[in-house]
């Protein structure tokens, strides 16, 4: 049987299957379609930038773009959405009803409730985690609520809590690139550089993922 390519297996492939475009789409076209979908989803929901942090408001649901999470002594609640979604799509029900759940969460976290809006079809969870870390203060204490693929981003943040050695050793980075090459039919050098950048940021920022 024909070996399934990266485009067919990945989230972009999921979009293409839904659109019935597999036979027509080359990989570069698949990436273009995925990016177009992400941009359209962001525009529809008022997301000005992807790969950025937003502060959540009380009901009614709203997101406020911020450059970075302010340093604070208390833990922050962080929402990380799933594939082909956004915070409102993955967690919006927390803002609904007569007594929205978000009201209690806002009280508990002193308003420190954030959402990470990011690309899930055309960027890797590693790239997402790099973007997120750049928006966090050093030593941030996080309680992460993730959905589906967002859990991968959360796990990468938690990797910074390793007590011994770097977040990723040279051997682990090598293994990552090798496995990626097997899966994708070739891994760009950028994949290794991306993971190395994540390891560097984790060492600098040392986020504490408590829950």
C-alpha atoms as a PDB file:
ATOM      1  CA  UNK A   1       0.000   0.000   0.000  1.00  0.00           C
ATOM      2  CA  UNK A   2       1.073   3.590  -0.596  1.00  0.00           C
ATOM      3  CA  UNK A   3       2.853   5.149   2.362  1.00  0.00           C
ATOM      4  CA  UNK A   4       0.771   7.968   3.779  1.00  0.00           C
ATOM      5  CA  UNK A   5       2.606  11.260   3.596  1.00  0.00           C
ATOM      6  CA  UNK A   6       2.899  13.877   6.313  1.00  0.00           C
ATOM      7  CA  UNK A   7       0.249  16.048   4.716  1.00  0.00           C
ATOM      8  CA  UNK A   8      -2.258  13.210   4.681  1.00  0.00           C
ATOM      9  CA  UNK A   9      -1.678  12.174   8.292  1.00  0.00           C
ATOM     10  CA  UNK A  10      -1.386  15.561   9.946  1.00  0.00           C
ATOM     11  CA  UNK A  11      -3.987  18.135  10.960  1.00  0.00           C
ATOM     12  CA  UNK A  12      -3.710  19.848   7.571  1.00  0.00           C
ATOM     13  CA  UNK A  13      -4.684  16.495   6.086  1.00  0.00           C
ATOM     14  CA  UNK A  14      -7.765  16.482   8.319  1.00  0.00           C
ATOM     15  CA  UNK A  15      -8.833  19.817   6.853  1.00  0.00           C
ATOM     16  CA  UNK A  16      -8.169  18.612   3.317  1.00  0.00           C
ATOM     17  CA  UNK A  17     -10.193  15.459   3.872  1.00  0.00           C
ATOM     18  CA  UNK A  18     -13.096  17.559   5.117  1.00  0.00           C
ATOM     19  CA  UNK A  19     -12.820  19.758   2.054  1.00  0.00           C
ATOM     20  CA  UNK A  20     -12.341  16.809  -0.320  1.00  0.00           C
ATOM     21  CA  UNK A  21      -9.151  18.312  -1.726  1.00  0.00           C
ATOM     22  CA  UNK A  22      -6.593  15.530  -1.220  1.00  0.00           C
ATOM     23  CA  UNK A  23      -6.324  14.523  -4.850  1.00  0.00           C
ATOM     24  CA  UNK A  24      -5.882  18.103  -5.997  1.00  0.00           C
ATOM     25  CA  UNK A  25      -3.593  19.492  -3.292  1.00  0.00           C
ATOM     26  CA  UNK A  26       0.189  19.426  -3.325  1.00  0.00           C
ATOM     27  CA  UNK A  27       1.970  19.790   0.070  1.00  0.00           C
ATOM     28  CA  UNK A  28       2.645  23.483  -0.496  1.00  0.00           C
ATOM     29  CA  UNK A  29      -1.020  23.982  -1.333  1.00  0.00           C
ATOM     30  CA  UNK A  30      -1.990  22.044   1.778  1.00  0.00           C
ATOM     31  CA  UNK A  31       0.072  24.391   3.918  1.00  0.00           C
ATOM     32  CA  UNK A  32      -1.502  27.381   2.185  1.00  0.00           C
ATOM     33  CA  UNK A  33      -5.002  26.009   2.797  1.00  0.00           C
ATOM     34  CA  UNK A  34      -4.183  25.338   6.447  1.00  0.00           C
ATOM     35  CA  UNK A  35      -2.846  28.854   6.979  1.00  0.00           C
ATOM     36  CA  UNK A  36      -5.826  30.371   5.187  1.00  0.00           C
ATOM     37  CA  UNK A  37      -8.164  28.387   7.454  1.00  0.00           C
ATOM     38  CA  UNK A  38      -6.298  29.528  10.582  1.00  0.00           C
ATOM     39  CA  UNK A  39      -6.326  33.178   9.486  1.00  0.00           C
ATOM     40  CA  UNK A  40     -10.038  33.041   8.649  1.00  0.00           C
ATOM     41  CA  UNK A  41     -10.851  31.445  12.025  1.00  0.00           C
ATOM     42  CA  UNK A  42      -8.842  34.110  13.839  1.00  0.00           C
ATOM     43  CA  UNK A  43     -10.475  36.957  11.914  1.00  0.00           C
ATOM     44  CA  UNK A  44     -13.962  35.559  12.484  1.00  0.00           C
ATOM     45  CA  UNK A  45     -13.375  35.465  16.240  1.00  0.00           C
ATOM     46  CA  UNK A  46     -11.586  38.775  16.596  1.00  0.00           C
ATOM     47  CA  UNK A  47      -8.125  37.321  17.178  1.00  0.00           C
ATOM     48  CA  UNK A  48      -5.669  39.966  16.008  1.00  0.00           C
ATOM     49  CA  UNK A  49      -2.503  37.870  16.309  1.00  0.00           C
ATOM     50  CA  UNK A  50      -1.795  34.142  16.403  1.00  0.00           C
ATOM     51  CA  UNK A  51       1.030  32.808  18.527  1.00  0.00           C
ATOM     52  CA  UNK A  52       0.106  35.383  21.158  1.00  0.00           C
ATOM     53  CA  UNK A  53      -1.219  35.588  24.692  1.00  0.00           C
ATOM     54  CA  UNK A  54      -4.630  37.067  25.539  1.00  0.00           C
ATOM     55  CA  UNK A  55      -6.195  38.018  28.845  1.00  0.00           C
ATOM     56  CA  UNK A  56      -9.666  36.601  29.406  1.00  0.00           C
ATOM     57  CA  UNK A  57     -12.530  38.789  30.612  1.00  0.00           C
ATOM     58  CA  UNK A  58     -15.489  37.820  32.756  1.00  0.00           C
ATOM     59  CA  UNK A  59     -18.763  36.929  31.062  1.00  0.00           C
ATOM     60  CA  UNK A  60     -19.607  37.850  28.395  1.00  0.00           C
ATOM     61  CA  UNK A  61     -16.649  36.113  26.785  1.00  0.00           C
ATOM     62  CA  UNK A  62     -13.933  38.441  25.503  1.00  0.00           C
ATOM     63  CA  UNK A  63     -10.189  38.331  24.920  1.00  0.00           C
ATOM     64  CA  UNK A  64      -7.774  41.242  25.343  1.00  0.00           C
ATOM     65  CA  UNK A  65      -4.482  41.095  23.442  1.00  0.00           C
ATOM     66  CA  UNK A  66      -1.412  41.626  25.640  1.00  0.00           C
ATOM     67  CA  UNK A  67       2.303  41.671  24.868  1.00  0.00           C
ATOM     68  CA  UNK A  68       3.269  39.587  27.876  1.00  0.00           C
ATOM     69  CA  UNK A  69       1.898  38.107  31.073  1.00  0.00           C
ATOM     70  CA  UNK A  70       2.803  40.439  33.953  1.00  0.00           C
ATOM     71  CA  UNK A  71       4.954  39.077  36.737  1.00  0.00           C
ATOM     72  CA  UNK A  72       2.742  38.248  39.701  1.00  0.00           C
ATOM     73  CA  UNK A  73       3.069  36.308  42.934  1.00  0.00           C
ATOM     74  CA  UNK A  74      -0.070  34.265  42.326  1.00  0.00           C
ATOM     75  CA  UNK A  75      -0.699  31.380  39.921  1.00  0.00           C
ATOM     76  CA  UNK A  76      -2.222  32.100  36.521  1.00  0.00           C
ATOM     77  CA  UNK A  77      -4.860  29.984  34.804  1.00  0.00           C
ATOM     78  CA  UNK A  78      -3.877  29.346  31.193  1.00  0.00           C
ATOM     79  CA  UNK A  79      -6.164  27.939  28.484  1.00  0.00           C
ATOM     80  CA  UNK A  80      -4.508  26.179  25.520  1.00  0.00           C
ATOM     81  CA  UNK A  81      -7.006  25.230  22.806  1.00  0.00           C
ATOM     82  CA  UNK A  82      -7.052  22.220  20.505  1.00  0.00           C
ATOM     83  CA  UNK A  83      -6.652  21.592  16.775  1.00  0.00           C
ATOM     84  CA  UNK A  84      -8.396  23.954  14.349  1.00  0.00           C
ATOM     85  CA  UNK A  85      -9.999  25.797  17.261  1.00  0.00           C
ATOM     86  CA  UNK A  86      -9.596  28.803  19.549  1.00  0.00           C
ATOM     87  CA  UNK A  87     -10.230  29.542  23.225  1.00  0.00           C
ATOM     88  CA  UNK A  88     -13.925  30.239  22.691  1.00  0.00           C
ATOM     89  CA  UNK A  89     -14.334  27.057  20.677  1.00  0.00           C
ATOM     90  CA  UNK A  90     -12.583  24.785  23.168  1.00  0.00           C
ATOM     91  CA  UNK A  91     -13.634  26.395  26.462  1.00  0.00           C
ATOM     92  CA  UNK A  92     -16.435  28.859  25.677  1.00  0.00           C
ATOM     93  CA  UNK A  93     -19.060  26.973  27.692  1.00  0.00           C
ATOM     94  CA  UNK A  94     -17.296  28.088  30.871  1.00  0.00           C
ATOM     95  CA  UNK A  95     -18.675  31.562  30.111  1.00  0.00           C
ATOM     96  CA  UNK A  96     -22.289  30.446  29.524  1.00  0.00           C
ATOM     97  CA  UNK A  97     -25.298  30.018  31.798  1.00  0.00           C
ATOM     98  CA  UNK A  98     -26.832  32.103  34.569  1.00  0.00           C
ATOM     99  CA  UNK A  99     -23.883  31.523  36.886  1.00  0.00           C
ATOM    100  CA  UNK A 100     -20.899  31.096  34.573  1.00  0.00           C
ATOM    101  CA  UNK A 101     -18.095  28.881  35.850  1.00  0.00           C
ATOM    102  CA  UNK A 102     -15.635  31.561  34.771  1.00  0.00           C
ATOM    103  CA  UNK A 103     -16.890  33.874  37.545  1.00  0.00           C
ATOM    104  CA  UNK A 104     -15.596  31.503  40.221  1.00  0.00           C
ATOM    105  CA  UNK A 105     -12.322  31.001  38.350  1.00  0.00           C
ATOM    106  CA  UNK A 106     -11.808  34.745  38.045  1.00  0.00           C
ATOM    107  CA  UNK A 107     -12.276  35.102  41.798  1.00  0.00           C
ATOM    108  CA  UNK A 108      -9.934  32.242  42.592  1.00  0.00           C
ATOM    109  CA  UNK A 109      -7.155  33.506  40.299  1.00  0.00           C
ATOM    110  CA  UNK A 110      -7.615  37.203  40.979  1.00  0.00           C
ATOM    111  CA  UNK A 111      -8.337  37.876  37.312  1.00  0.00           C
ATOM    112  CA  UNK A 112      -5.130  36.127  36.203  1.00  0.00           C
ATOM    113  CA  UNK A 113      -6.858  34.082  33.473  1.00  0.00           C
ATOM    114  CA  UNK A 114      -5.227  33.857  30.059  1.00  0.00           C
ATOM    115  CA  UNK A 115      -5.630  32.164  26.682  1.00  0.00           C
ATOM    116  CA  UNK A 116      -2.913  31.255  24.213  1.00  0.00           C
ATOM    117  CA  UNK A 117      -4.155  31.677  20.644  1.00  0.00           C
ATOM    118  CA  UNK A 118      -1.941  29.813  18.196  1.00  0.00           C
ATOM    119  CA  UNK A 119      -1.671  27.987  14.879  1.00  0.00           C
ATOM    120  CA  UNK A 120      -2.380  24.264  15.088  1.00  0.00           C
ATOM    121  CA  UNK A 121      -2.401  23.256  11.419  1.00  0.00           C
ATOM    122  CA  UNK A 122       0.760  24.859  10.081  1.00  0.00           C
ATOM    123  CA  UNK A 123       3.074  25.055  13.117  1.00  0.00           C
ATOM    124  CA  UNK A 124       4.399  22.399  15.467  1.00  0.00           C
ATOM    125  CA  UNK A 125       3.611  22.213  19.203  1.00  0.00           C
ATOM    126  CA  UNK A 126       7.318  23.002  19.718  1.00  0.00           C
ATOM    127  CA  UNK A 127       6.951  26.268  17.780  1.00  0.00           C
ATOM    128  CA  UNK A 128       3.779  27.030  19.751  1.00  0.00           C
ATOM    129  CA  UNK A 129       5.577  26.480  23.076  1.00  0.00           C
ATOM    130  CA  UNK A 130       8.436  28.764  21.988  1.00  0.00           C
ATOM    131  CA  UNK A 131       5.958  31.545  21.183  1.00  0.00           C
ATOM    132  CA  UNK A 132       4.143  31.081  24.473  1.00  0.00           C
ATOM    133  CA  UNK A 133       7.305  31.110  26.571  1.00  0.00           C
ATOM    134  CA  UNK A 134       8.341  34.426  25.046  1.00  0.00           C
ATOM    135  CA  UNK A 135       5.157  35.917  26.531  1.00  0.00           C
ATOM    136  CA  UNK A 136       5.737  34.557  30.049  1.00  0.00           C
ATOM    137  CA  UNK A 137       7.700  36.159  32.890  1.00  0.00           C
ATOM    138  CA  UNK A 138      10.504  34.171  34.481  1.00  0.00           C
ATOM    139  CA  UNK A 139       9.278  31.751  37.126  1.00  0.00           C
ATOM    140  CA  UNK A 140       5.602  32.018  36.168  1.00  0.00           C
ATOM    141  CA  UNK A 141       3.336  29.669  38.126  1.00  0.00           C
ATOM    142  CA  UNK A 142       0.767  28.138  35.789  1.00  0.00           C
ATOM    143  CA  UNK A 143      -2.355  26.034  36.084  1.00  0.00           C
ATOM    144  CA  UNK A 144      -2.851  24.796  32.525  1.00  0.00           C
ATOM    145  CA  UNK A 145      -6.201  23.749  31.061  1.00  0.00           C
ATOM    146  CA  UNK A 146      -5.701  22.199  27.641  1.00  0.00           C
ATOM    147  CA  UNK A 147      -7.821  20.468  25.045  1.00  0.00           C
ATOM    148  CA  UNK A 148      -6.630  17.808  22.596  1.00  0.00           C
ATOM    149  CA  UNK A 149      -3.420  18.935  20.868  1.00  0.00           C
ATOM    150  CA  UNK A 150      -3.099  21.800  23.357  1.00  0.00           C
ATOM    151  CA  UNK A 151      -1.983  19.179  25.854  1.00  0.00           C
ATOM    152  CA  UNK A 152       1.228  18.718  23.874  1.00  0.00           C
ATOM    153  CA  UNK A 153       2.033  22.392  24.346  1.00  0.00           C
ATOM    154  CA  UNK A 154       1.298  22.075  28.066  1.00  0.00           C
ATOM    155  CA  UNK A 155       3.563  19.033  28.373  1.00  0.00           C
ATOM    156  CA  UNK A 156       6.400  20.904  26.694  1.00  0.00           C
ATOM    157  CA  UNK A 157       6.041  23.729  29.236  1.00  0.00           C
ATOM    158  CA  UNK A 158       6.151  21.202  32.070  1.00  0.00           C
ATOM    159  CA  UNK A 159       9.418  19.856  30.667  1.00  0.00           C
ATOM    160  CA  UNK A 160      11.098  22.945  32.066  1.00  0.00           C
ATOM    161  CA  UNK A 161      10.564  21.582  35.585  1.00  0.00           C
ATOM    162  CA  UNK A 162      13.123  18.791  35.183  1.00  0.00           C
ATOM    163  CA  UNK A 163      15.326  18.819  38.259  1.00  0.00           C
ATOM    164  CA  UNK A 164      18.408  17.325  36.643  1.00  0.00           C
ATOM    165  CA  UNK A 165      19.957  18.305  33.348  1.00  0.00           C
ATOM    166  CA  UNK A 166      18.534  20.430  30.527  1.00  0.00           C
ATOM    167  CA  UNK A 167      14.927  20.266  29.370  1.00  0.00           C
ATOM    168  CA  UNK A 168      16.121  18.334  26.307  1.00  0.00           C
ATOM    169  CA  UNK A 169      19.507  16.673  25.984  1.00  0.00           C
ATOM    170  CA  UNK A 170      21.482  16.630  22.740  1.00  0.00           C
ATOM    171  CA  UNK A 171      20.581  12.951  22.375  1.00  0.00           C
ATOM    172  CA  UNK A 172      16.870  13.688  22.776  1.00  0.00           C
ATOM    173  CA  UNK A 173      17.028  16.451  20.174  1.00  0.00           C
ATOM    174  CA  UNK A 174      18.801  14.040  17.803  1.00  0.00           C
ATOM    175  CA  UNK A 175      16.147  11.379  18.417  1.00  0.00           C
ATOM    176  CA  UNK A 176      13.366  13.928  17.844  1.00  0.00           C
ATOM    177  CA  UNK A 177      14.797  14.890  14.467  1.00  0.00           C
ATOM    178  CA  UNK A 178      15.291  11.236  13.468  1.00  0.00           C
ATOM    179  CA  UNK A 179      11.703  10.312  14.356  1.00  0.00           C
ATOM    180  CA  UNK A 180      10.419  13.392  12.578  1.00  0.00           C
ATOM    181  CA  UNK A 181      12.403  12.416   9.492  1.00  0.00           C
ATOM    182  CA  UNK A 182      10.874   8.924   9.563  1.00  0.00           C
ATOM    183  CA  UNK A 183       7.384  10.333   9.857  1.00  0.00           C
ATOM    184  CA  UNK A 184       7.659  13.234   7.453  1.00  0.00           C
ATOM    185  CA  UNK A 185      10.036  11.713   4.918  1.00  0.00           C
ATOM    186  CA  UNK A 186      12.746  14.216   5.803  1.00  0.00           C
ATOM    187  CA  UNK A 187      13.247  16.636   8.706  1.00  0.00           C
ATOM    188  CA  UNK A 188      14.575  20.149   8.151  1.00  0.00           C
ATOM    189  CA  UNK A 189      17.451  21.427  10.268  1.00  0.00           C
ATOM    190  CA  UNK A 190      14.971  23.994  11.559  1.00  0.00           C
ATOM    191  CA  UNK A 191      13.298  21.229  13.609  1.00  0.00           C
ATOM    192  CA  UNK A 192      16.453  20.700  15.674  1.00  0.00           C
ATOM    193  CA  UNK A 193      17.019  24.449  16.006  1.00  0.00           C
ATOM    194  CA  UNK A 194      13.416  24.897  17.144  1.00  0.00           C
ATOM    195  CA  UNK A 195      13.729  22.299  19.896  1.00  0.00           C
ATOM    196  CA  UNK A 196      17.079  23.737  20.972  1.00  0.00           C
ATOM    197  CA  UNK A 197      15.473  27.192  21.221  1.00  0.00           C
ATOM    198  CA  UNK A 198      12.678  25.731  23.345  1.00  0.00           C
ATOM    199  CA  UNK A 199      15.233  24.126  25.676  1.00  0.00           C
ATOM    200  CA  UNK A 200      17.047  27.466  26.008  1.00  0.00           C
ATOM    201  CA  UNK A 201      13.839  29.349  26.814  1.00  0.00           C
ATOM    202  CA  UNK A 202      12.750  26.747  29.353  1.00  0.00           C
ATOM    203  CA  UNK A 203      16.112  27.115  31.091  1.00  0.00           C
ATOM    204  CA  UNK A 204      15.722  30.909  31.149  1.00  0.00           C
ATOM    205  CA  UNK A 205      12.051  31.156  32.081  1.00  0.00           C
ATOM    206  CA  UNK A 206      11.655  28.049  34.309  1.00  0.00           C
ATOM    207  CA  UNK A 207       7.840  28.037  34.324  1.00  0.00           C
ATOM    208  CA  UNK A 208       6.200  26.115  37.163  1.00  0.00           C
ATOM    209  CA  UNK A 209       3.264  24.056  35.907  1.00  0.00           C
ATOM    210  CA  UNK A 210       1.592  23.153  39.204  1.00  0.00           C
ATOM    211  CA  UNK A 211      -1.664  21.737  37.814  1.00  0.00           C
END
